[in-house]
Amino acid sequence: MNTILSLDTSSEAYSVAVAFRGGRVYEHFYHAPRQAALDLLPTMDTLLAKTGLTLSDMDAIVTTIGPGSFTGLRLAVSVAQGLAWANSLQTLGLNTLEVLAWDAVTHHNMESVLVAIDARKSEAYWGVYQKCEKLGVIPVGDIQLSPPSAIKVSGVDGGIGTAFHAFAQLGDHLSLNNVLTPRWPKASCAAQLALLREPELSSPSELQPLYVRNDIL
């Protein structure tokens, strides 16, 4: 797997990226609430034109699958499935927390990180991740959904995610000195992480949103 198309529409931002094994990444990223449904495919077309590639040049399509915006997750999964089926490509779904964790450990020199994103209704999706040479990052436990006051962690190098912006006291509550916020998942990070996860590629039919919460945001 040498060339990946990556999508993210899990939050208020959306992005499309093309990544190459060896390090080159092209990305269009926009913080544009409720625009992804209209602009995702035109953004993809523009980016592919910039790289001089077409979908037939891709080896796989990667997307974030959640947790996050219910509408956004369904959009990215359905687009990834449709494009993959039409071009006989395999797919990979990555959860939004591990993509953010990859951002923290790769670009901000953290060995372990608390990832927390705003789940609305005064709650946060959260989990702890550690750097891993083989897989990029690995989880320390399951993804949790709870009020911010219920988050209890220790021994991490910092925090990342929208919950630290939505709940301004969260970093202080946990005595975290290194907090990256606001921070949204990015297609470029998902693509780079996916290059380490080639054995996990599967049929588009296996790509499913990861909601965690079962009622609509």
Protein backbone atom coordinates (compact mmCIF):
# COMPACT_ATOMS: atom_id res chain seq x y z
CA MET A 1 0.00 0.00 0.00
CA ASN A 2 1.77 3.13 -1.23
CA THR A 3 -0.92 5.75 -1.95
CA ILE A 4 -3.96 6.47 0.24
CA LEU A 5 -7.00 8.70 -0.05
CA SER A 6 -8.20 9.73 3.40
CA LEU A 7 -11.42 11.41 4.57
CA ASP A 8 -12.56 12.98 7.83
CA THR A 9 -15.98 14.53 8.49
CA SER A 10 -16.33 13.54 12.14
CA SER A 11 -16.40 17.06 13.63
CA GLU A 12 -17.04 20.72 12.84
CA ALA A 13 -14.07 20.54 10.49
CA TYR A 14 -13.63 18.31 7.48
CA SER A 15 -10.58 17.31 5.49
CA VAL A 16 -9.36 15.23 2.58
CA ALA A 17 -5.80 13.99 2.19
CA VAL A 18 -3.64 11.97 -0.16
CA ALA A 19 -0.62 10.35 1.47
CA PHE A 20 2.31 8.49 -0.03
CA ARG A 21 4.51 5.92 1.65
CA GLY A 22 7.73 7.75 2.24
CA GLY A 23 6.20 10.83 3.81
CA ARG A 24 4.57 13.12 1.24
CA VAL A 25 1.07 14.26 2.22
CA TYR A 26 -1.32 16.63 0.47
CA GLU A 27 -4.33 17.85 2.42
CA HIS A 28 -7.23 20.27 2.22
CA PHE A 29 -8.58 21.07 5.70
CA TYR A 30 -11.50 23.38 6.48
CA HIS A 31 -13.17 24.39 9.72
CA ALA A 32 -16.63 24.77 8.20
CA PRO A 33 -19.53 23.44 10.28
CA ARG A 34 -22.27 21.71 8.26
CA GLN A 35 -20.45 22.20 4.94
CA ALA A 36 -18.96 18.74 4.50
CA ALA A 37 -22.04 17.25 2.87
CA LEU A 38 -21.88 19.88 0.13
CA ASP A 39 -18.14 20.29 -0.23
CA LEU A 40 -16.49 16.95 0.51
CA LEU A 41 -16.54 15.54 -3.02
CA PRO A 42 -15.58 18.83 -4.75
CA THR A 43 -12.73 19.19 -2.23
CA MET A 44 -11.59 15.67 -3.05
CA ASP A 45 -11.68 16.39 -6.78
CA THR A 46 -9.64 19.57 -6.30
CA LEU A 47 -7.05 17.77 -4.20
CA LEU A 48 -6.70 14.89 -6.66
CA ALA A 49 -6.25 17.38 -9.48
CA LYS A 50 -3.50 19.08 -7.47
CA THR A 51 -1.64 15.78 -7.08
CA GLY A 52 -2.19 14.77 -10.71
CA LEU A 53 -3.77 11.50 -9.58
CA THR A 54 -7.16 9.83 -9.94
CA LEU A 55 -9.02 7.41 -7.71
CA SER A 56 -7.70 4.54 -9.83
CA ASP A 57 -4.19 5.46 -8.62
CA MET A 58 -5.14 4.89 -4.97
CA ASP A 59 -4.33 1.68 -3.14
CA ALA A 60 -6.94 2.18 -0.42
CA ILE A 61 -9.44 4.60 1.07
CA VAL A 62 -9.28 5.47 4.75
CA THR A 63 -11.82 7.30 6.86
CA THR A 64 -12.42 8.16 10.48
CA ILE A 65 -15.42 6.22 11.77
CA GLY A 66 -16.13 7.87 15.12
CA PRO A 67 -17.00 8.70 17.72
CA GLY A 68 -18.16 12.12 16.57
CA SER A 69 -20.97 13.78 14.66
CA PHE A 70 -23.58 11.18 13.71
CA THR A 71 -24.28 12.91 10.39
CA GLY A 72 -20.61 13.39 9.65
CA LEU A 73 -19.72 9.78 10.40
CA ARG A 74 -22.45 8.45 8.12
CA LEU A 75 -21.32 10.82 5.37
CA ALA A 76 -17.66 9.79 5.41
CA VAL A 77 -18.42 6.07 5.68
CA SER A 78 -20.94 6.11 2.84
CA VAL A 79 -18.65 8.17 0.57
CA ALA A 80 -15.66 5.93 1.33
CA GLN A 81 -17.72 2.81 0.63
CA GLY A 82 -19.11 4.16 -2.63
CA LEU A 83 -15.72 5.27 -3.92
CA ALA A 84 -14.09 2.02 -2.86
CA TRP A 85 -16.71 -0.18 -4.52
CA ALA A 86 -16.60 1.88 -7.71
CA ASN A 87 -12.80 1.60 -7.92
CA SER A 88 -12.27 -1.90 -6.47
CA LEU A 89 -10.37 -0.59 -3.46
CA GLN A 90 -10.05 -1.82 0.09
CA THR A 91 -10.89 0.41 3.04
CA LEU A 92 -9.80 1.08 6.59
CA GLY A 93 -11.74 2.78 9.36
CA LEU A 94 -9.87 4.48 12.20
CA ASN A 95 -11.46 5.83 15.34
CA THR A 96 -11.19 9.56 15.85
CA LEU A 97 -9.45 9.29 19.21
CA GLU A 98 -6.54 7.24 17.86
CA VAL A 99 -6.14 9.67 14.96
CA LEU A 100 -5.87 12.56 17.42
CA ALA A 101 -3.49 10.52 19.56
CA TRP A 102 -1.30 9.96 16.50
CA ASP A 103 -1.22 13.73 15.97
CA ALA A 104 -0.06 14.25 19.57
CA VAL A 105 2.65 11.59 19.66
CA THR A 106 3.97 12.31 16.17
CA HIS A 107 3.88 16.09 15.96
CA HIS A 108 4.12 17.05 19.64
CA ASN A 109 6.54 14.47 21.05
CA MET A 110 4.18 12.85 23.54
CA GLU A 111 4.64 9.24 24.63
CA SER A 112 1.17 8.97 26.17
CA VAL A 113 -1.85 11.22 25.79
CA LEU A 114 -5.40 11.69 26.99
CA VAL A 115 -7.69 12.25 24.01
CA ALA A 116 -11.03 13.86 24.86
CA ILE A 117 -13.61 15.19 22.40
CA ASP A 118 -16.83 17.04 23.06
CA ALA A 119 -19.78 14.63 22.95
CA ARG A 120 -22.37 17.35 23.66
CA LYS A 121 -24.93 16.91 26.46
CA SER A 122 -22.16 17.90 28.93
CA GLU A 123 -20.21 14.73 28.18
CA ALA A 124 -16.96 13.76 26.51
CA TYR A 125 -15.69 10.78 24.58
CA TRP A 126 -12.25 9.99 25.91
CA GLY A 127 -9.44 7.48 26.07
CA VAL A 128 -5.74 7.18 26.83
CA TYR A 129 -3.26 6.17 24.13
CA GLN A 130 0.43 5.27 24.14
CA LYS A 131 2.97 5.62 21.37
CA CYS A 132 3.72 2.35 19.59
CA GLU A 133 6.47 1.91 17.01
CA LYS A 134 4.62 -0.80 15.05
CA LEU A 135 1.02 0.49 15.14
CA GLY A 136 1.53 4.20 15.74
CA VAL A 137 -0.59 4.32 18.88
CA ILE A 138 -2.34 1.74 21.05
CA PRO A 139 -5.25 2.29 23.45
CA VAL A 140 -4.99 1.89 27.20
CA GLY A 141 -8.51 0.63 27.81
CA ASP A 142 -11.78 1.22 25.96
CA ILE A 143 -13.28 4.46 24.67
CA GLN A 144 -15.30 6.05 27.46
CA LEU A 145 -18.31 8.40 27.51
CA SER A 146 -18.77 10.42 30.67
CA PRO A 147 -19.08 13.90 32.15
CA PRO A 148 -15.66 15.62 32.15
CA SER A 149 -15.60 15.60 35.94
CA ALA A 150 -15.60 11.78 35.85
CA ILE A 151 -12.40 11.56 33.79
CA LYS A 152 -9.63 10.18 35.97
CA VAL A 153 -6.17 9.64 34.48
CA SER A 154 -2.58 9.98 35.58
CA GLY A 155 0.86 9.59 34.09
CA VAL A 156 0.08 11.03 30.65
CA ASP A 157 2.22 13.61 28.89
CA GLY A 158 -0.69 15.83 27.88
CA GLY A 159 -4.13 16.09 26.36
CA ILE A 160 -5.65 16.74 22.95
CA GLY A 161 -9.15 17.24 21.60
CA THR A 162 -12.17 19.52 21.52
CA ALA A 163 -13.30 18.63 25.06
CA PHE A 164 -10.46 20.72 26.46
CA HIS A 165 -11.97 23.72 24.65
CA ALA A 166 -15.61 22.88 25.42
CA PHE A 167 -14.83 22.25 29.12
CA ALA A 168 -12.23 24.88 29.91
CA GLN A 169 -11.33 23.54 33.35
CA LEU A 170 -10.65 19.97 32.19
CA GLY A 171 -6.91 20.41 31.79
CA ASP A 172 -6.60 22.02 35.21
CA HIS A 173 -8.84 19.36 36.77
CA LEU A 174 -6.41 16.70 35.54
CA SER A 175 -3.25 18.79 36.21
CA LEU A 176 -2.20 18.58 32.56
CA ASN A 177 0.40 21.14 31.53
CA ASN A 178 0.50 20.29 27.82
CA VAL A 179 -2.98 20.58 26.27
CA LEU A 180 -3.51 20.91 22.52
CA THR A 181 -6.81 22.62 21.77
CA PRO A 182 -8.86 23.30 19.79
CA ARG A 183 -7.83 20.21 17.87
CA TRP A 184 -9.87 18.32 15.31
CA PRO A 185 -9.11 14.96 13.68
CA LYS A 186 -7.36 15.42 10.34
CA ALA A 187 -7.43 13.23 7.25
CA SER A 188 -3.66 13.60 6.91
CA CYS A 189 -3.09 12.04 10.34
CA ALA A 190 -5.52 9.22 9.53
CA ALA A 191 -3.66 8.53 6.28
CA GLN A 192 -0.25 8.45 7.94
CA LEU A 193 -1.53 6.16 10.67
CA ALA A 194 -3.16 3.89 8.08
CA LEU A 195 0.18 3.32 6.38
CA LEU A 196 1.17 1.43 9.55
CA ARG A 197 -2.05 -0.61 9.55
CA GLU A 198 -2.02 -2.26 6.11
CA PRO A 199 -2.90 -5.72 7.51
CA GLU A 200 -6.17 -4.23 8.81
CA LEU A 201 -7.47 -3.30 5.34
CA SER A 202 -10.81 -4.90 4.53
CA SER A 203 -13.80 -4.87 2.20
CA PRO A 204 -15.90 -1.67 2.05
CA SER A 205 -18.84 -3.69 3.36
CA GLU A 206 -17.06 -4.00 6.73
CA LEU A 207 -16.72 -0.24 7.15
CA GLN A 208 -19.16 0.89 9.85
CA PRO A 209 -19.56 4.04 11.97
CA LEU A 210 -18.47 3.83 15.60
CA TYR A 211 -21.11 5.76 17.49
CA VAL A 212 -20.41 4.85 21.18
CA ARG A 213 -23.56 6.78 22.11
CA ASN A 214 -26.73 5.41 20.53
CA ASP A 215 -28.80 8.59 20.41
CA ILE A 216 -28.30 11.32 17.81
CA LEU A 217 -26.12 14.31 18.64
